[in-house]
């Protein structure tokens, strides 16, 4: 379907998608200035202190190119691997300290 390079409002794109008509991303018009957010409550300090809202911590660290390539090649999911490695390392250190104290 030819849209003549016209901008299509995002709500209308939903209608097209429902009828299996795809609209190119560059033709979709997002009217962000007119989004009604009045029903979204403000985040309060109580929300954070109660745990209702939690911050997500993202940590970054440097990897050399060879290691990065190896990780990608083997599809290693670092977000799953690193917590397991840290837990195993922690348990090993605890075990060593316990056995050394005997």
PDB file of N, CA and C in Angstrom:
ATOM      1  N   UNK A   1       0.843  -1.172   0.000  1.00  0.00           N
ATOM      2  CA  UNK A   1       0.000   0.000   0.000  1.00  0.00           C
ATOM      3  C   UNK A   1       0.886   1.232   0.000  1.00  0.00           C
ATOM      4  N   UNK A   2       0.574   2.216  -0.804  1.00  0.00           N
ATOM      5  CA  UNK A   2       1.366   3.440  -0.908  1.00  0.00           C
ATOM      6  C   UNK A   2       0.712   4.538  -0.079  1.00  0.00           C
ATOM      7  N   UNK A   3       1.449   5.081   0.871  1.00  0.00           N
ATOM      8  CA  UNK A   3       0.918   6.129   1.731  1.00  0.00           C
ATOM      9  C   UNK A   3       1.350   7.520   1.274  1.00  0.00           C
ATOM     10  N   UNK A   4       1.998   7.621   0.105  1.00  0.00           N
ATOM     11  CA  UNK A   4       2.431   8.906  -0.466  1.00  0.00           C
ATOM     12  C   UNK A   4       3.322   9.695   0.490  1.00  0.00           C
ATOM     13  N   UNK A   5       4.116   8.992   1.273  1.00  0.00           N
ATOM     14  CA  UNK A   5       5.031   9.613   2.235  1.00  0.00           C
ATOM     15  C   UNK A   5       4.333  10.549   3.215  1.00  0.00           C
ATOM     16  N   UNK A   6       3.062  10.313   3.487  1.00  0.00           N
ATOM     17  CA  UNK A   6       2.323  11.111   4.466  1.00  0.00           C
ATOM     18  C   UNK A   6       2.536  10.533   5.856  1.00  0.00           C
ATOM     19  N   UNK A   7       2.562  11.413   6.848  1.00  0.00           N
ATOM     20  CA  UNK A   7       2.680  10.972   8.231  1.00  0.00           C
ATOM     21  C   UNK A   7       1.340  10.400   8.692  1.00  0.00           C
ATOM     22  N   UNK A   8       1.376   9.188   9.248  1.00  0.00           N
ATOM     23  CA  UNK A   8       0.175   8.501   9.711  1.00  0.00           C
ATOM     24  C   UNK A   8       0.163   8.562  11.244  1.00  0.00           C
ATOM     25  N   UNK A   9      -0.893   9.104  11.860  1.00  0.00           N
ATOM     26  CA  UNK A   9      -0.951   9.116  13.332  1.00  0.00           C
ATOM     27  C   UNK A   9      -0.869   7.693  13.892  1.00  0.00           C
ATOM     28  N   UNK A  10      -0.173   7.543  15.002  1.00  0.00           N
ATOM     29  CA  UNK A  10       0.091   6.229  15.581  1.00  0.00           C
ATOM     30  C   UNK A  10      -1.201   5.464  15.873  1.00  0.00           C
ATOM     31  N   UNK A  11      -2.266   6.141  16.245  1.00  0.00           N
ATOM     32  CA  UNK A  11      -3.535   5.443  16.504  1.00  0.00           C
ATOM     33  C   UNK A  11      -4.078   4.793  15.240  1.00  0.00           C
ATOM     34  N   UNK A  12      -3.917   5.468  14.102  1.00  0.00           N
ATOM     35  CA  UNK A  12      -4.382   4.893  12.840  1.00  0.00           C
ATOM     36  C   UNK A  12      -3.503   3.721  12.419  1.00  0.00           C
ATOM     37  N   UNK A  13      -2.223   3.781  12.768  1.00  0.00           N
ATOM     38  CA  UNK A  13      -1.312   2.674  12.452  1.00  0.00           C
ATOM     39  C   UNK A  13      -1.787   1.410  13.152  1.00  0.00           C
ATOM     40  N   UNK A  14      -2.282   1.545  14.363  1.00  0.00           N
ATOM     41  CA  UNK A  14      -2.839   0.391  15.077  1.00  0.00           C
ATOM     42  C   UNK A  14      -3.970  -0.252  14.297  1.00  0.00           C
ATOM     43  N   UNK A  15      -4.816   0.559  13.696  1.00  0.00           N
ATOM     44  CA  UNK A  15      -5.916   0.042  12.872  1.00  0.00           C
ATOM     45  C   UNK A  15      -5.363  -0.713  11.665  1.00  0.00           C
ATOM     46  N   UNK A  16      -4.363  -0.111  10.997  1.00  0.00           N
ATOM     47  CA  UNK A  16      -3.761  -0.774   9.835  1.00  0.00           C
ATOM     48  C   UNK A  16      -3.134  -2.111  10.233  1.00  0.00           C
ATOM     49  N   UNK A  17      -2.390  -2.112  11.341  1.00  0.00           N
ATOM     50  CA  UNK A  17      -1.744  -3.350  11.795  1.00  0.00           C
ATOM     51  C   UNK A  17      -2.765  -4.442  12.072  1.00  0.00           C
ATOM     52  N   UNK A  18      -3.898  -4.045  12.652  1.00  0.00           N
ATOM     53  CA  UNK A  18      -4.954  -5.005  12.956  1.00  0.00           C
ATOM     54  C   UNK A  18      -5.464  -5.686  11.683  1.00  0.00           C
ATOM     55  N   UNK A  19      -5.385  -4.974  10.574  1.00  0.00           N
ATOM     56  CA  UNK A  19      -5.833  -5.510   9.289  1.00  0.00           C
ATOM     57  C   UNK A  19      -4.661  -5.959   8.415  1.00  0.00           C
ATOM     58  N   UNK A  20      -3.522  -6.236   9.090  1.00  0.00           N
ATOM     59  CA  UNK A  20      -2.323  -6.780   8.452  1.00  0.00           C
ATOM     60  C   UNK A  20      -1.756  -5.872   7.363  1.00  0.00           C
ATOM     61  N   UNK A  21      -1.906  -4.566   7.549  1.00  0.00           N
ATOM     62  CA  UNK A  21      -1.296  -3.584   6.656  1.00  0.00           C
ATOM     63  C   UNK A  21      -0.175  -2.925   7.443  1.00  0.00           C
ATOM     64  N   UNK A  22       1.052  -3.074   6.980  1.00  0.00           N
ATOM     65  CA  UNK A  22       2.206  -2.554   7.698  1.00  0.00           C
ATOM     66  C   UNK A  22       2.538  -1.147   7.214  1.00  0.00           C
ATOM     67  N   UNK A  23       2.846  -0.275   8.160  1.00  0.00           N
ATOM     68  CA  UNK A  23       3.234   1.099   7.865  1.00  0.00           C
ATOM     69  C   UNK A  23       4.708   1.246   8.217  1.00  0.00           C
ATOM     70  N   UNK A  24       5.490   1.805   7.302  1.00  0.00           N
ATOM     71  CA  UNK A  24       6.923   2.001   7.547  1.00  0.00           C
ATOM     72  C   UNK A  24       7.119   2.924   8.748  1.00  0.00           C
ATOM     73  N   UNK A  25       8.106   2.618   9.571  1.00  0.00           N
ATOM     74  CA  UNK A  25       8.361   3.376  10.800  1.00  0.00           C
ATOM     75  C   UNK A  25       8.539   4.870  10.521  1.00  0.00           C
ATOM     76  N   UNK A  26       9.204   5.206   9.418  1.00  0.00           N
ATOM     77  CA  UNK A  26       9.459   6.620   9.130  1.00  0.00           C
ATOM     78  C   UNK A  26       8.189   7.393   8.765  1.00  0.00           C
ATOM     79  N   UNK A  27       7.083   6.697   8.533  1.00  0.00           N
ATOM     80  CA  UNK A  27       5.817   7.357   8.203  1.00  0.00           C
ATOM     81  C   UNK A  27       4.888   7.494   9.409  1.00  0.00           C
ATOM     82  N   UNK A  28       5.288   6.912  10.541  1.00  0.00           N
ATOM     83  CA  UNK A  28       4.429   6.947  11.729  1.00  0.00           C
ATOM     84  C   UNK A  28       4.659   8.261  12.478  1.00  0.00           C
ATOM     85  N   UNK A  29       3.565   8.962  12.782  1.00  0.00           N
ATOM     86  CA  UNK A  29       3.628  10.230  13.504  1.00  0.00           C
ATOM     87  C   UNK A  29       3.230   9.996  14.958  1.00  0.00           C
ATOM     88  N   UNK A  30       4.177  10.283  15.852  1.00  0.00           N
ATOM     89  CA  UNK A  30       3.926  10.166  17.286  1.00  0.00           C
ATOM     90  C   UNK A  30       3.679  11.572  17.833  1.00  0.00           C
ATOM     91  N   UNK A  31       2.475  11.855  18.268  1.00  0.00           N
ATOM     92  CA  UNK A  31       2.115  13.174  18.775  1.00  0.00           C
ATOM     93  C   UNK A  31       2.342  13.204  20.286  1.00  0.00           C
ATOM     94  N   UNK A  32       3.608  13.182  20.682  1.00  0.00           N
ATOM     95  CA  UNK A  32       3.963  13.096  22.102  1.00  0.00           C
ATOM     96  C   UNK A  32       3.441  14.272  22.925  1.00  0.00           C
ATOM     97  N   UNK A  33       3.325  15.445  22.307  1.00  0.00           N
ATOM     98  CA  UNK A  33       2.883  16.621  23.056  1.00  0.00           C
ATOM     99  C   UNK A  33       1.430  16.516  23.508  1.00  0.00           C
ATOM    100  N   UNK A  34       0.656  15.680  22.850  1.00  0.00           N
ATOM    101  CA  UNK A  34      -0.761  15.575  23.187  1.00  0.00           C
ATOM    102  C   UNK A  34      -1.126  14.276  23.900  1.00  0.00           C
ATOM    103  N   UNK A  35      -0.134  13.614  24.480  1.00  0.00           N
ATOM    104  CA  UNK A  35      -0.417  12.405  25.257  1.00  0.00           C
ATOM    105  C   UNK A  35      -0.951  12.827  26.622  1.00  0.00           C
ATOM    106  N   UNK A  36      -2.078  12.291  26.999  1.00  0.00           N
ATOM    107  CA  UNK A  36      -2.700  12.622  28.277  1.00  0.00           C
ATOM    108  C   UNK A  36      -2.130  11.718  29.369  1.00  0.00           C
ATOM    109  N   UNK A  37      -1.349  12.312  30.248  1.00  0.00           N
ATOM    110  CA  UNK A  37      -0.739  11.552  31.346  1.00  0.00           C
ATOM    111  C   UNK A  37      -1.383  11.898  32.688  1.00  0.00           C
ATOM    112  N   UNK A  38      -2.528  12.543  32.639  1.00  0.00           N
ATOM    113  CA  UNK A  38      -3.151  13.023  33.873  1.00  0.00           C
ATOM    114  C   UNK A  38      -3.566  11.900  34.816  1.00  0.00           C
ATOM    115  N   UNK A  39      -3.762  10.693  34.287  1.00  0.00           N
ATOM    116  CA  UNK A  39      -4.181   9.585  35.149  1.00  0.00           C
ATOM    117  C   UNK A  39      -3.004   8.816  35.734  1.00  0.00           C
ATOM    118  N   UNK A  40      -1.789   9.246  35.424  1.00  0.00           N
ATOM    119  CA  UNK A  40      -0.594   8.582  35.958  1.00  0.00           C
ATOM    120  C   UNK A  40      -0.178   9.317  37.231  1.00  0.00           C
ATOM    121  N   UNK A  41      -0.208   8.650  38.389  1.00  0.00           N
ATOM    122  CA  UNK A  41       0.124   9.336  39.643  1.00  0.00           C
ATOM    123  C   UNK A  41       1.614   9.672  39.723  1.00  0.00           C
ATOM    124  N   UNK A  42       1.913  10.728  40.463  1.00  0.00           N
ATOM    125  CA  UNK A  42       3.296  11.122  40.695  1.00  0.00           C
ATOM    126  C   UNK A  42       3.975  10.085  41.590  1.00  0.00           C
ATOM    127  N   UNK A  43       5.266   9.891  41.399  1.00  0.00           N
ATOM    128  CA  UNK A  43       6.043   9.007  42.273  1.00  0.00           C
ATOM    129  C   UNK A  43       6.417   9.801  43.520  1.00  0.00           C
ATOM    130  N   UNK A  44       6.167   9.215  44.675  1.00  0.00           N
ATOM    131  CA  UNK A  44       6.476   9.888  45.941  1.00  0.00           C
ATOM    132  C   UNK A  44       7.638   9.188  46.638  1.00  0.00           C
ATOM    133  N   UNK A  45       8.205   9.865  47.630  1.00  0.00           N
ATOM    134  CA  UNK A  45       9.261   9.246  48.439  1.00  0.00           C
ATOM    135  C   UNK A  45       8.739   8.007  49.153  1.00  0.00           C
ATOM    136  N   UNK A  46       7.454   8.023  49.536  1.00  0.00           N
ATOM    137  CA  UNK A  46       6.853   6.862  50.206  1.00  0.00           C
ATOM    138  C   UNK A  46       6.820   5.658  49.268  1.00  0.00           C
ATOM    139  N   UNK A  47       6.586   5.898  47.974  1.00  0.00           N
ATOM    140  CA  UNK A  47       6.600   4.799  47.006  1.00  0.00           C
ATOM    141  C   UNK A  47       7.967   4.126  46.976  1.00  0.00           C
ATOM    142  N   UNK A  48       9.010   4.933  47.055  1.00  0.00           N
ATOM    143  CA  UNK A  48      10.373   4.394  46.996  1.00  0.00           C
ATOM    144  C   UNK A  48      10.748   3.731  48.318  1.00  0.00           C
ATOM    145  N   UNK A  49      10.468   4.406  49.454  1.00  0.00           N
ATOM    146  CA  UNK A  49      10.858   3.834  50.755  1.00  0.00           C
ATOM    147  C   UNK A  49      10.079   2.566  51.081  1.00  0.00           C
ATOM    148  N   UNK A  50       8.851   2.451  50.579  1.00  0.00           N
ATOM    149  CA  UNK A  50       8.054   1.248  50.850  1.00  0.00           C
ATOM    150  C   UNK A  50       8.439   0.082  49.937  1.00  0.00           C
ATOM    151  N   UNK A  51       9.205   0.369  48.888  1.00  0.00           N
ATOM    152  CA  UNK A  51       9.576  -0.687  47.952  1.00  0.00           C
ATOM    153  C   UNK A  51       8.591  -0.837  46.807  1.00  0.00           C
ATOM    154  N   UNK A  52       7.536  -0.023  46.809  1.00  0.00           N
ATOM    155  CA  UNK A  52       6.554  -0.081  45.715  1.00  0.00           C
ATOM    156  C   UNK A  52       7.230   0.267  44.388  1.00  0.00           C
ATOM    157  N   UNK A  53       8.121   1.241  44.434  1.00  0.00           N
ATOM    158  CA  UNK A  53       8.929   1.626  43.278  1.00  0.00           C
ATOM    159  C   UNK A  53      10.376   1.310  43.628  1.00  0.00           C
ATOM    160  N   UNK A  54      11.069   0.647  42.746  1.00  0.00           N
ATOM    161  CA  UNK A  54      12.467   0.302  43.003  1.00  0.00           C
ATOM    162  C   UNK A  54      13.330   0.796  41.850  1.00  0.00           C
ATOM    163  N   UNK A  55      14.489   1.318  42.197  1.00  0.00           N
ATOM    164  CA  UNK A  55      15.451   1.737  41.187  1.00  0.00           C
ATOM    165  C   UNK A  55      16.130   0.506  40.623  1.00  0.00           C
ATOM    166  N   UNK A  56      16.439   0.539  39.367  1.00  0.00           N
ATOM    167  CA  UNK A  56      17.189  -0.541  38.740  1.00  0.00           C
ATOM    168  C   UNK A  56      18.624  -0.060  38.588  1.00  0.00           C
ATOM    169  N   UNK A  57      19.546  -0.810  39.178  1.00  0.00           N
ATOM    170  CA  UNK A  57      20.957  -0.467  39.059  1.00  0.00           C
ATOM    171  C   UNK A  57      21.549  -1.135  37.828  1.00  0.00           C
ATOM    172  N   UNK A  58      22.261  -0.356  37.058  1.00  0.00           N
ATOM    173  CA  UNK A  58      22.944  -0.886  35.886  1.00  0.00           C
ATOM    174  C   UNK A  58      24.429  -0.619  36.079  1.00  0.00           C
ATOM    175  N   UNK A  59      25.204  -1.673  36.072  1.00  0.00           N
ATOM    176  CA  UNK A  59      26.644  -1.543  36.221  1.00  0.00           C
ATOM    177  C   UNK A  59      27.316  -1.858  34.899  1.00  0.00           C
ATOM    178  N   UNK A  60      28.369  -1.123  34.614  1.00  0.00           N
ATOM    179  CA  UNK A  60      29.126  -1.350  33.389  1.00  0.00           C
ATOM    180  C   UNK A  60      30.579  -1.601  33.756  1.00  0.00           C
ATOM    181  N   UNK A  61      31.247  -2.388  32.934  1.00  0.00           N
ATOM    182  CA  UNK A  61      32.667  -2.612  33.114  1.00  0.00           C
ATOM    183  C   UNK A  61      33.292  -2.858  31.747  1.00  0.00           C
ATOM    184  N   UNK A  62      34.573  -2.582  31.650  1.00  0.00           N
ATOM    185  CA  UNK A  62      35.292  -2.698  30.382  1.00  0.00           C
ATOM    186  C   UNK A  62      35.592  -4.154  30.046  1.00  0.00           C
ATOM    187  N   UNK A  63      35.451  -4.496  28.773  1.00  0.00           N
ATOM    188  CA  UNK A  63      35.854  -5.802  28.258  1.00  0.00           C
ATOM    189  C   UNK A  63      36.772  -5.574  27.067  1.00  0.00           C
ATOM    190  N   UNK A  64      37.831  -6.368  26.986  1.00  0.00           N
ATOM    191  CA  UNK A  64      38.666  -6.218  25.798  1.00  0.00           C
ATOM    192  C   UNK A  64      37.955  -6.841  24.595  1.00  0.00           C
ATOM    193  N   UNK A  65      38.407  -6.493  23.404  1.00  0.00           N
ATOM    194  CA  UNK A  65      37.728  -6.918  22.173  1.00  0.00           C
ATOM    195  C   UNK A  65      37.677  -8.429  22.010  1.00  0.00           C
ATOM    196  N   UNK A  66      38.751  -9.123  22.381  1.00  0.00           N
ATOM    197  CA  UNK A  66      38.787 -10.581  22.234  1.00  0.00           C
ATOM    198  C   UNK A  66      37.720 -11.239  23.117  1.00  0.00           C
ATOM    199  N   UNK A  67      37.632 -10.793  24.353  1.00  0.00           N
ATOM    200  CA  UNK A  67      36.639 -11.345  25.274  1.00  0.00           C
ATOM    201  C   UNK A  67      35.219 -11.007  24.810  1.00  0.00           C
ATOM    202  N   UNK A  68      35.008  -9.774  24.366  1.00  0.00           N
ATOM    203  CA  UNK A  68      33.688  -9.360  23.876  1.00  0.00           C
ATOM    204  C   UNK A  68      33.267 -10.224  22.690  1.00  0.00           C
ATOM    205  N   UNK A  69      34.182 -10.472  21.763  1.00  0.00           N
ATOM    206  CA  UNK A  69      33.888 -11.312  20.591  1.00  0.00           C
ATOM    207  C   UNK A  69      33.537 -12.731  21.011  1.00  0.00           C
ATOM    208  N   UNK A  70      34.270 -13.272  21.987  1.00  0.00           N
ATOM    209  CA  UNK A  70      34.005 -14.626  22.476  1.00  0.00           C
ATOM    210  C   UNK A  70      32.613 -14.708  23.099  1.00  0.00           C
ATOM    211  N   UNK A  71      32.251 -13.710  23.885  1.00  0.00           N
ATOM    212  CA  UNK A  71      30.932 -13.676  24.524  1.00  0.00           C
ATOM    213  C   UNK A  71      29.828 -13.654  23.476  1.00  0.00           C
ATOM    214  N   UNK A  72      29.990 -12.826  22.461  1.00  0.00           N
ATOM    215  CA  UNK A  72      28.988 -12.721  21.395  1.00  0.00           C
ATOM    216  C   UNK A  72      28.919 -14.017  20.599  1.00  0.00           C
ATOM    217  N   UNK A  73      30.080 -14.562  20.258  1.00  0.00           N
ATOM    218  CA  UNK A  73      30.134 -15.783  19.444  1.00  0.00           C
ATOM    219  C   UNK A  73      29.414 -16.941  20.127  1.00  0.00           C
ATOM    220  N   UNK A  74      29.546 -17.035  21.436  1.00  0.00           N
ATOM    221  CA  UNK A  74      28.961 -18.149  22.185  1.00  0.00           C
ATOM    222  C   UNK A  74      27.608 -17.802  22.811  1.00  0.00           C
ATOM    223  N   UNK A  75      27.076 -16.633  22.464  1.00  0.00           N
ATOM    224  CA  UNK A  75      25.757 -16.195  22.941  1.00  0.00           C
ATOM    225  C   UNK A  75      25.639 -16.327  24.466  1.00  0.00           C
ATOM    226  N   UNK A  76      26.659 -15.826  25.154  1.00  0.00           N
ATOM    227  CA  UNK A  76      26.687 -15.887  26.614  1.00  0.00           C
ATOM    228  C   UNK A  76      25.863 -14.732  27.170  1.00  0.00           C
ATOM    229  N   UNK A  77      24.927 -15.061  28.015  1.00  0.00           N
ATOM    230  CA  UNK A  77      24.048 -14.051  28.616  1.00  0.00           C
ATOM    231  C   UNK A  77      24.659 -13.605  29.943  1.00  0.00           C
ATOM    232  N   UNK A  78      25.380 -12.498  29.892  1.00  0.00           N
ATOM    233  CA  UNK A  78      26.107 -12.030  31.065  1.00  0.00           C
ATOM    234  C   UNK A  78      25.188 -11.723  32.240  1.00  0.00           C
ATOM    235  N   UNK A  79      23.986 -11.257  31.967  1.00  0.00           N
ATOM    236  CA  UNK A  79      23.071 -10.938  33.063  1.00  0.00           C
ATOM    237  C   UNK A  79      22.646 -12.185  33.828  1.00  0.00           C
ATOM    238  N   UNK A  80      22.797 -13.365  33.225  1.00  0.00           N
ATOM    239  CA  UNK A  80      22.520 -14.620  33.926  1.00  0.00           C
ATOM    240  C   UNK A  80      23.799 -15.226  34.495  1.00  0.00           C
ATOM    241  N   UNK A  81      24.893 -15.122  33.757  1.00  0.00           N
ATOM    242  CA  UNK A  81      26.150 -15.750  34.158  1.00  0.00           C
ATOM    243  C   UNK A  81      26.806 -15.057  35.352  1.00  0.00           C
ATOM    244  N   UNK A  82      26.898 -13.748  35.318  1.00  0.00           N
ATOM    245  CA  UNK A  82      27.646 -13.025  36.347  1.00  0.00           C
ATOM    246  C   UNK A  82      27.068 -13.227  37.748  1.00  0.00           C
ATOM    247  N   UNK A  83      25.757 -13.129  37.954  1.00  0.00           N
ATOM    248  CA  UNK A  83      25.251 -13.400  39.312  1.00  0.00           C
ATOM    249  C   UNK A  83      25.578 -14.812  39.804  1.00  0.00           C
ATOM    250  N   UNK A  84      25.531 -15.797  38.907  1.00  0.00           N
ATOM    251  CA  UNK A  84      25.877 -17.168  39.298  1.00  0.00           C
ATOM    252  C   UNK A  84      27.350 -17.270  39.668  1.00  0.00           C
ATOM    253  N   UNK A  85      28.209 -16.655  38.857  1.00  0.00           N
ATOM    254  CA  UNK A  85      29.644 -16.683  39.157  1.00  0.00           C
ATOM    255  C   UNK A  85      29.938 -16.013  40.497  1.00  0.00           C
ATOM    256  N   UNK A  86      29.320 -14.875  40.744  1.00  0.00           N
ATOM    257  CA  UNK A  86      29.543 -14.175  42.006  1.00  0.00           C
ATOM    258  C   UNK A  86      29.048 -14.987  43.198  1.00  0.00           C
ATOM    259  N   UNK A  87      27.893 -15.610  43.058  1.00  0.00           N
ATOM    260  CA  UNK A  87      27.353 -16.444  44.141  1.00  0.00           C
ATOM    261  C   UNK A  87      28.285 -17.622  44.423  1.00  0.00           C
ATOM    262  N   UNK A  88      28.748 -18.290  43.372  1.00  0.00           N
ATOM    263  CA  UNK A  88      29.675 -19.420  43.541  1.00  0.00           C
ATOM    264  C   UNK A  88      30.989 -18.966  44.164  1.00  0.00           C
ATOM    265  N   UNK A  89      31.498 -17.820  43.726  1.00  0.00           N
ATOM    266  CA  UNK A  89      32.736 -17.282  44.280  1.00  0.00           C
ATOM    267  C   UNK A  89      32.551 -16.973  45.768  1.00  0.00           C
ATOM    268  N   UNK A  90      31.442 -16.336  46.112  1.00  0.00           N
ATOM    269  CA  UNK A  90      31.140 -15.994  47.498  1.00  0.00           C
ATOM    270  C   UNK A  90      31.055 -17.248  48.366  1.00  0.00           C
ATOM    271  N   UNK A  91      30.327 -18.269  47.903  1.00  0.00           N
ATOM    272  CA  UNK A  91      30.189 -19.511  48.663  1.00  0.00           C
ATOM    273  C   UNK A  91      31.545 -20.200  48.827  1.00  0.00           C
ATOM    274  N   UNK A  92      32.379 -20.160  47.794  1.00  0.00           N
ATOM    275  CA  UNK A  92      33.716 -20.768  47.871  1.00  0.00           C
ATOM    276  C   UNK A  92      34.569 -20.068  48.917  1.00  0.00           C
ATOM    277  N   UNK A  93      34.553 -18.743  48.919  1.00  0.00           N
ATOM    278  CA  UNK A  93      35.332 -17.982  49.900  1.00  0.00           C
ATOM    279  C   UNK A  93      34.842 -18.289  51.314  1.00  0.00           C
ATOM    280  N   UNK A  94      33.525 -18.339  51.520  1.00  0.00           N
ATOM    281  CA  UNK A  94      32.979 -18.674  52.838  1.00  0.00           C
ATOM    282  C   UNK A  94      33.435 -20.060  53.276  1.00  0.00           C
ATOM    283  N   UNK A  95      33.417 -21.011  52.352  1.00  0.00           N
ATOM    284  CA  UNK A  95      33.821 -22.379  52.670  1.00  0.00           C
ATOM    285  C   UNK A  95      35.303 -22.435  53.034  1.00  0.00           C
ATOM    286  N   UNK A  96      36.123 -21.728  52.278  1.00  0.00           N
ATOM    287  CA  UNK A  96      37.570 -21.709  52.549  1.00  0.00           C
ATOM    288  C   UNK A  96      37.830 -21.098  53.926  1.00  0.00           C
ATOM    289  N   UNK A  97      37.163 -19.991  54.228  1.00  0.00           N
ATOM    290  CA  UNK A  97      37.356 -19.334  55.524  1.00  0.00           C
ATOM    291  C   UNK A  97      36.896 -20.233  56.669  1.00  0.00           C
ATOM    292  N   UNK A  98      35.786 -20.930  56.476  1.00  0.00           N
ATOM    293  CA  UNK A  98      35.264 -21.821  57.509  1.00  0.00           C
ATOM    294  C   UNK A  98      36.231 -22.973  57.752  1.00  0.00           C
ATOM    295  N   UNK A  99      36.728 -23.577  56.664  1.00  0.00           N
ATOM    296  CA  UNK A  99      37.639 -24.714  56.788  1.00  0.00           C
ATOM    297  C   UNK A  99      39.001 -24.293  57.318  1.00  0.00           C
ATOM    298  N   UNK A 100      39.432 -23.077  57.004  1.00  0.00           N
ATOM    299  CA  UNK A 100      40.721 -22.590  57.502  1.00  0.00           C
ATOM    300  C   UNK A 100      40.657 -22.331  59.003  1.00  0.00           C
ATOM    301  N   UNK A 101      39.477 -22.001  59.500  1.00  0.00           N
ATOM    302  CA  UNK A 101      39.307 -21.717  60.927  1.00  0.00           C
ATOM    303  C   UNK A 101      39.329 -22.987  61.764  1.00  0.00           C
ATOM    304  N   UNK A 102      39.096 -24.145  61.124  1.00  0.00           N
ATOM    305  CA  UNK A 102      39.081 -25.402  61.875  1.00  0.00           C
ATOM    306  C   UNK A 102      40.457 -25.765  62.221  1.00  0.00           C
TER     307      UNK A 102
END
